[in-house]
Every structure is written in C-alpha cells, then in structure tokens.
C-alpha cells in the first residue's frame, strides 16, 4: 500500500517480495535484489538471466522470484529491467562498506572516484557514497550501471544517487 500512497516500497512490503535474497545468501557475496512489486505483464529479467536465477512461476503478471543459489551476481538483469527495480548488492565488499550497483539514466554521468549523495527509495540523502565504476555499454542497451560504495548498514537502503552541485 505504501507504494501506491508514497510512490516507494515500505520496509514491510520489501520483506514480502519474492525477489529479496535471504540474509544467508547476502553473506555469500554479490547478489541481485529484485524489488519488483508491480503485478504487470513483464519478464525481461527472466530472459536476461542465463543462469536461471530469476523465474516467474505462473502467469506473466506474477512477481519474479530470485532463486538464490543460482544467482552469481553478474548483473545481466539490471539494465534490462524497464522499471529499474533490480539492484546488485555485496555486503561482503569490506568490513565497513558494501557495494551497491544501480541503473542510472540521467546526465551527466558520475565519474569513478566522485563522491555523491546516496539516496534511499524516497529520494532522501542517507549517506555519502563513492562512485567505484560506471558501465555504459551497448550490451546494457545504454542504460548506465553505477557501482557505489556505501556504509554497510545502508546496503539495503541506497537505491540511487545525486551528483553534488558544483
């Protein structure tokens, strides 16, 4: 209901999605986090995953399910998602930091090494994040993927970025 009222998912709504990996899987390394809550006819993520880690079990309008033990965190599902509802998260990046990879379709693009605002689902600044990598290839249909380094406790909160105004 929060999605309909506020435009973003509540913590409770996220916990009930079939695309959210378990804590145990998160502790094994980089993994896709599928925050898709719209029951609409859509399945490009299923087709993009050559490992079979994303499935839609019945009707095309059902929510995608993450098969945790098959996900290797390759990110082939990120850029293909028209709703930008898939992210890569690695809580094992370091003792104090996590890696979050997000689709980013704005200009200008950030640059590696740049410090940006890490935004939560509501668009609020929750931290300062370092841009580690920007991938903007034809294979991703020119949807840039930005890798951010964030405080570990915010790995499941940071979902976008805002460039600093110069």
C-alpha atoms as a PDB file:
ATOM      1  CA  UNK A   1       0.000   0.000   0.000  1.00  0.00           C
ATOM      2  CA  UNK A   2       2.910   2.391   0.711  1.00  0.00           C
ATOM      3  CA  UNK A   3       3.956   2.041  -2.922  1.00  0.00           C
ATOM      4  CA  UNK A   4       0.579   3.338  -4.036  1.00  0.00           C
ATOM      5  CA  UNK A   5       0.427   6.111  -1.439  1.00  0.00           C
ATOM      6  CA  UNK A   6       4.070   7.269  -1.299  1.00  0.00           C
ATOM      7  CA  UNK A   7       5.470   6.046  -4.593  1.00  0.00           C
ATOM      8  CA  UNK A   8       8.051   3.782  -2.949  1.00  0.00           C
ATOM      9  CA  UNK A   9       8.044   0.488  -1.081  1.00  0.00           C
ATOM     10  CA  UNK A  10       7.871   0.284   2.701  1.00  0.00           C
ATOM     11  CA  UNK A  11      10.203  -1.973   4.665  1.00  0.00           C
ATOM     12  CA  UNK A  12       7.305  -4.362   5.278  1.00  0.00           C
ATOM     13  CA  UNK A  13       6.444  -4.517   1.563  1.00  0.00           C
ATOM     14  CA  UNK A  14      10.075  -5.238   0.702  1.00  0.00           C
ATOM     15  CA  UNK A  15      10.265  -8.091   3.192  1.00  0.00           C
ATOM     16  CA  UNK A  16       7.360  -9.839   1.452  1.00  0.00           C
ATOM     17  CA  UNK A  17       8.759  -9.690  -2.083  1.00  0.00           C
ATOM     18  CA  UNK A  18       9.936 -12.998  -3.590  1.00  0.00           C
ATOM     19  CA  UNK A  19      12.961 -11.340  -5.189  1.00  0.00           C
ATOM     20  CA  UNK A  20      14.668 -10.254  -1.969  1.00  0.00           C
ATOM     21  CA  UNK A  21      17.576 -12.548  -1.052  1.00  0.00           C
ATOM     22  CA  UNK A  22      17.881 -14.030   2.421  1.00  0.00           C
ATOM     23  CA  UNK A  23      20.457 -12.743   4.896  1.00  0.00           C
ATOM     24  CA  UNK A  24      22.342 -16.034   4.474  1.00  0.00           C
ATOM     25  CA  UNK A  25      22.621 -15.533   0.698  1.00  0.00           C
ATOM     26  CA  UNK A  26      23.637 -11.894   1.126  1.00  0.00           C
ATOM     27  CA  UNK A  27      26.549 -13.014   3.324  1.00  0.00           C
ATOM     28  CA  UNK A  28      27.898 -15.155   0.450  1.00  0.00           C
ATOM     29  CA  UNK A  29      28.683 -12.208  -1.833  1.00  0.00           C
ATOM     30  CA  UNK A  30      27.202 -10.162  -4.635  1.00  0.00           C
ATOM     31  CA  UNK A  31      23.577 -10.961  -5.438  1.00  0.00           C
ATOM     32  CA  UNK A  32      20.652  -9.484  -7.331  1.00  0.00           C
ATOM     33  CA  UNK A  33      17.969  -7.770  -5.253  1.00  0.00           C
ATOM     34  CA  UNK A  34      14.661  -7.700  -7.124  1.00  0.00           C
ATOM     35  CA  UNK A  35      12.369  -5.014  -5.718  1.00  0.00           C
ATOM     36  CA  UNK A  36       9.620  -5.597  -8.262  1.00  0.00           C
ATOM     37  CA  UNK A  37       6.198  -5.173  -6.663  1.00  0.00           C
ATOM     38  CA  UNK A  38       4.084  -4.473  -9.741  1.00  0.00           C
ATOM     39  CA  UNK A  39       1.989  -7.384 -10.943  1.00  0.00           C
ATOM     40  CA  UNK A  40       2.138  -6.412 -14.599  1.00  0.00           C
ATOM     41  CA  UNK A  41       2.986  -8.454 -17.706  1.00  0.00           C
ATOM     42  CA  UNK A  42       6.765  -8.223 -17.707  1.00  0.00           C
ATOM     43  CA  UNK A  43       9.604 -10.756 -17.829  1.00  0.00           C
ATOM     44  CA  UNK A  44      12.776  -9.395 -19.469  1.00  0.00           C
ATOM     45  CA  UNK A  45      14.738 -10.212 -16.293  1.00  0.00           C
ATOM     46  CA  UNK A  46      13.840 -13.895 -16.689  1.00  0.00           C
ATOM     47  CA  UNK A  47      15.113 -13.922 -20.272  1.00  0.00           C
ATOM     48  CA  UNK A  48      18.261 -11.941 -19.361  1.00  0.00           C
ATOM     49  CA  UNK A  49      19.428 -14.398 -16.690  1.00  0.00           C
ATOM     50  CA  UNK A  50      21.332 -17.190 -18.380  1.00  0.00           C
ATOM     51  CA  UNK A  51      21.743 -18.944 -15.023  1.00  0.00           C
ATOM     52  CA  UNK A  52      18.020 -19.418 -14.412  1.00  0.00           C
ATOM     53  CA  UNK A  53      18.195 -17.417 -11.175  1.00  0.00           C
ATOM     54  CA  UNK A  54      15.011 -15.458 -11.922  1.00  0.00           C
ATOM     55  CA  UNK A  55      11.719 -17.195 -12.588  1.00  0.00           C
ATOM     56  CA  UNK A  56       8.077 -16.284 -12.923  1.00  0.00           C
ATOM     57  CA  UNK A  57       6.280 -19.443 -11.854  1.00  0.00           C
ATOM     58  CA  UNK A  58       2.856 -18.978 -13.396  1.00  0.00           C
ATOM     59  CA  UNK A  59       1.123 -16.120 -15.128  1.00  0.00           C
ATOM     60  CA  UNK A  60       3.257 -13.419 -16.733  1.00  0.00           C
ATOM     61  CA  UNK A  61       1.801 -10.944 -14.240  1.00  0.00           C
ATOM     62  CA  UNK A  62       3.214 -12.733 -11.189  1.00  0.00           C
ATOM     63  CA  UNK A  63       6.205 -11.264  -9.365  1.00  0.00           C
ATOM     64  CA  UNK A  64       9.689 -12.528 -10.267  1.00  0.00           C
ATOM     65  CA  UNK A  65      11.289 -14.920  -7.809  1.00  0.00           C
ATOM     66  CA  UNK A  66      15.027 -14.976  -7.123  1.00  0.00           C
ATOM     67  CA  UNK A  67      16.495 -18.493  -6.990  1.00  0.00           C
ATOM     68  CA  UNK A  68      19.284 -17.549  -4.592  1.00  0.00           C
ATOM     69  CA  UNK A  69      21.621 -20.475  -5.122  1.00  0.00           C
ATOM     70  CA  UNK A  70      21.674 -19.852  -8.880  1.00  0.00           C
ATOM     71  CA  UNK A  71      22.409 -16.096  -8.745  1.00  0.00           C
ATOM     72  CA  UNK A  72      26.076 -15.308  -9.313  1.00  0.00           C
ATOM     73  CA  UNK A  73      25.590 -11.527  -9.220  1.00  0.00           C
ATOM     74  CA  UNK A  74      26.526 -10.979 -12.867  1.00  0.00           C
ATOM     75  CA  UNK A  75      24.084  -8.072 -13.251  1.00  0.00           C
ATOM     76  CA  UNK A  76      22.655  -9.049 -16.631  1.00  0.00           C
ATOM     77  CA  UNK A  77      19.179  -8.387 -15.207  1.00  0.00           C
ATOM     78  CA  UNK A  78      19.851  -4.807 -14.027  1.00  0.00           C
ATOM     79  CA  UNK A  79      19.859  -2.787 -17.219  1.00  0.00           C
ATOM     80  CA  UNK A  80      17.125  -4.839 -18.862  1.00  0.00           C
ATOM     81  CA  UNK A  81      14.509  -4.105 -16.173  1.00  0.00           C
ATOM     82  CA  UNK A  82      12.206  -1.372 -17.554  1.00  0.00           C
ATOM     83  CA  UNK A  83      11.100  -0.465 -14.023  1.00  0.00           C
ATOM     84  CA  UNK A  84      14.670  -0.147 -12.711  1.00  0.00           C
ATOM     85  CA  UNK A  85      13.635  -2.432  -9.876  1.00  0.00           C
ATOM     86  CA  UNK A  86      16.731  -4.658  -9.761  1.00  0.00           C
ATOM     87  CA  UNK A  87      19.988  -3.860  -7.984  1.00  0.00           C
ATOM     88  CA  UNK A  88      23.190  -5.712  -7.146  1.00  0.00           C
ATOM     89  CA  UNK A  89      24.299  -5.711  -3.537  1.00  0.00           C
ATOM     90  CA  UNK A  90      27.510  -7.045  -1.992  1.00  0.00           C
ATOM     91  CA  UNK A  91      27.595  -6.772   1.787  1.00  0.00           C
ATOM     92  CA  UNK A  92      30.910  -8.680   1.821  1.00  0.00           C
ATOM     93  CA  UNK A  93      32.764  -5.859  -0.002  1.00  0.00           C
ATOM     94  CA  UNK A  94      34.653  -4.898   3.179  1.00  0.00           C
ATOM     95  CA  UNK A  95      34.180  -4.910   6.929  1.00  0.00           C
ATOM     96  CA  UNK A  96      32.561  -1.482   6.949  1.00  0.00           C
ATOM     97  CA  UNK A  97      31.361  -0.920   3.390  1.00  0.00           C
ATOM     98  CA  UNK A  98      29.038  -2.535   0.876  1.00  0.00           C
ATOM     99  CA  UNK A  99      28.798  -2.321  -2.900  1.00  0.00           C
ATOM    100  CA  UNK A 100      25.504  -1.333  -4.491  1.00  0.00           C
ATOM    101  CA  UNK A 101      25.098  -1.262  -8.285  1.00  0.00           C
ATOM    102  CA  UNK A 102      22.180   0.773  -9.602  1.00  0.00           C
ATOM    103  CA  UNK A 103      20.793   1.656 -13.030  1.00  0.00           C
ATOM    104  CA  UNK A 104      21.203   5.408 -13.656  1.00  0.00           C
ATOM    105  CA  UNK A 105      19.583   7.073 -16.664  1.00  0.00           C
ATOM    106  CA  UNK A 106      20.469  10.723 -16.062  1.00  0.00           C
ATOM    107  CA  UNK A 107      23.104  13.067 -17.428  1.00  0.00           C
ATOM    108  CA  UNK A 108      25.747  13.908 -16.688  1.00  0.00           C
ATOM    109  CA  UNK A 109      27.048  10.545 -15.554  1.00  0.00           C
ATOM    110  CA  UNK A 110      29.132  10.436 -12.394  1.00  0.00           C
ATOM    111  CA  UNK A 111      32.823   9.613 -12.645  1.00  0.00           C
ATOM    112  CA  UNK A 112      34.749   6.931 -10.757  1.00  0.00           C
ATOM    113  CA  UNK A 113      36.137   8.361  -7.532  1.00  0.00           C
ATOM    114  CA  UNK A 114      33.428  11.013  -7.305  1.00  0.00           C
ATOM    115  CA  UNK A 115      31.578  11.437  -4.007  1.00  0.00           C
ATOM    116  CA  UNK A 116      27.798  11.576  -4.473  1.00  0.00           C
ATOM    117  CA  UNK A 117      24.722  11.583  -2.270  1.00  0.00           C
ATOM    118  CA  UNK A 118      23.419   8.059  -1.702  1.00  0.00           C
ATOM    119  CA  UNK A 119      19.622   8.199  -1.921  1.00  0.00           C
ATOM    120  CA  UNK A 120      17.011   5.900  -0.420  1.00  0.00           C
ATOM    121  CA  UNK A 121      13.810   4.810  -2.174  1.00  0.00           C
ATOM    122  CA  UNK A 122      12.105   8.081  -1.172  1.00  0.00           C
ATOM    123  CA  UNK A 123      14.885  10.123  -2.802  1.00  0.00           C
ATOM    124  CA  UNK A 124      16.282  11.256   0.549  1.00  0.00           C
ATOM    125  CA  UNK A 125      20.027  11.525   1.134  1.00  0.00           C
ATOM    126  CA  UNK A 126      21.088   8.816   3.588  1.00  0.00           C
ATOM    127  CA  UNK A 127      24.867   8.873   3.088  1.00  0.00           C
ATOM    128  CA  UNK A 128      27.804   9.968   1.036  1.00  0.00           C
ATOM    129  CA  UNK A 129      28.816   7.298  -1.459  1.00  0.00           C
ATOM    130  CA  UNK A 130      31.883   6.804  -3.610  1.00  0.00           C
ATOM    131  CA  UNK A 131      31.391   6.019  -7.289  1.00  0.00           C
ATOM    132  CA  UNK A 132      33.549   2.970  -7.930  1.00  0.00           C
ATOM    133  CA  UNK A 133      32.605   2.240 -11.538  1.00  0.00           C
ATOM    134  CA  UNK A 134      30.327   3.447 -14.337  1.00  0.00           C
ATOM    135  CA  UNK A 135      29.435   0.948 -17.075  1.00  0.00           C
ATOM    136  CA  UNK A 136      27.605   2.295 -20.102  1.00  0.00           C
ATOM    137  CA  UNK A 137      27.781  -0.315 -22.814  1.00  0.00           C
ATOM    138  CA  UNK A 138      25.662  -1.269 -25.795  1.00  0.00           C
ATOM    139  CA  UNK A 139      25.070  -4.680 -24.234  1.00  0.00           C
ATOM    140  CA  UNK A 140      23.151  -2.842 -21.473  1.00  0.00           C
ATOM    141  CA  UNK A 141      21.095  -1.015 -24.087  1.00  0.00           C
ATOM    142  CA  UNK A 142      22.925   2.114 -22.991  1.00  0.00           C
ATOM    143  CA  UNK A 143      21.435   2.032 -19.503  1.00  0.00           C
ATOM    144  CA  UNK A 144      24.419   3.035 -17.380  1.00  0.00           C
ATOM    145  CA  UNK A 145      25.111   0.957 -14.295  1.00  0.00           C
ATOM    146  CA  UNK A 146      26.785   2.836 -11.459  1.00  0.00           C
ATOM    147  CA  UNK A 147      28.632   0.967  -8.728  1.00  0.00           C
ATOM    148  CA  UNK A 148      28.546   2.772  -5.389  1.00  0.00           C
ATOM    149  CA  UNK A 149      30.471   2.091  -2.203  1.00  0.00           C
ATOM    150  CA  UNK A 150      28.231   2.797   0.790  1.00  0.00           C
ATOM    151  CA  UNK A 151      28.295   2.175   4.550  1.00  0.00           C
ATOM    152  CA  UNK A 152      27.493  -1.498   5.051  1.00  0.00           C
ATOM    153  CA  UNK A 153      24.401  -0.854   7.191  1.00  0.00           C
ATOM    154  CA  UNK A 154      22.850   1.096   4.271  1.00  0.00           C
ATOM    155  CA  UNK A 155      23.320  -1.596   1.610  1.00  0.00           C
ATOM    156  CA  UNK A 156      19.607  -2.342   1.500  1.00  0.00           C
ATOM    157  CA  UNK A 157      18.638   1.339   1.648  1.00  0.00           C
ATOM    158  CA  UNK A 158      20.708   3.112  -1.022  1.00  0.00           C
ATOM    159  CA  UNK A 159      18.954   2.793  -4.386  1.00  0.00           C
ATOM    160  CA  UNK A 160      20.058   5.857  -6.348  1.00  0.00           C
ATOM    161  CA  UNK A 161      22.441   8.776  -6.296  1.00  0.00           C
ATOM    162  CA  UNK A 162      22.545  12.502  -6.717  1.00  0.00           C
ATOM    163  CA  UNK A 163      25.536  14.348  -8.058  1.00  0.00           C
ATOM    164  CA  UNK A 164      26.956  17.181  -5.981  1.00  0.00           C
ATOM    165  CA  UNK A 165      26.160  20.614  -7.367  1.00  0.00           C
ATOM    166  CA  UNK A 166      29.389  22.284  -8.405  1.00  0.00           C
END
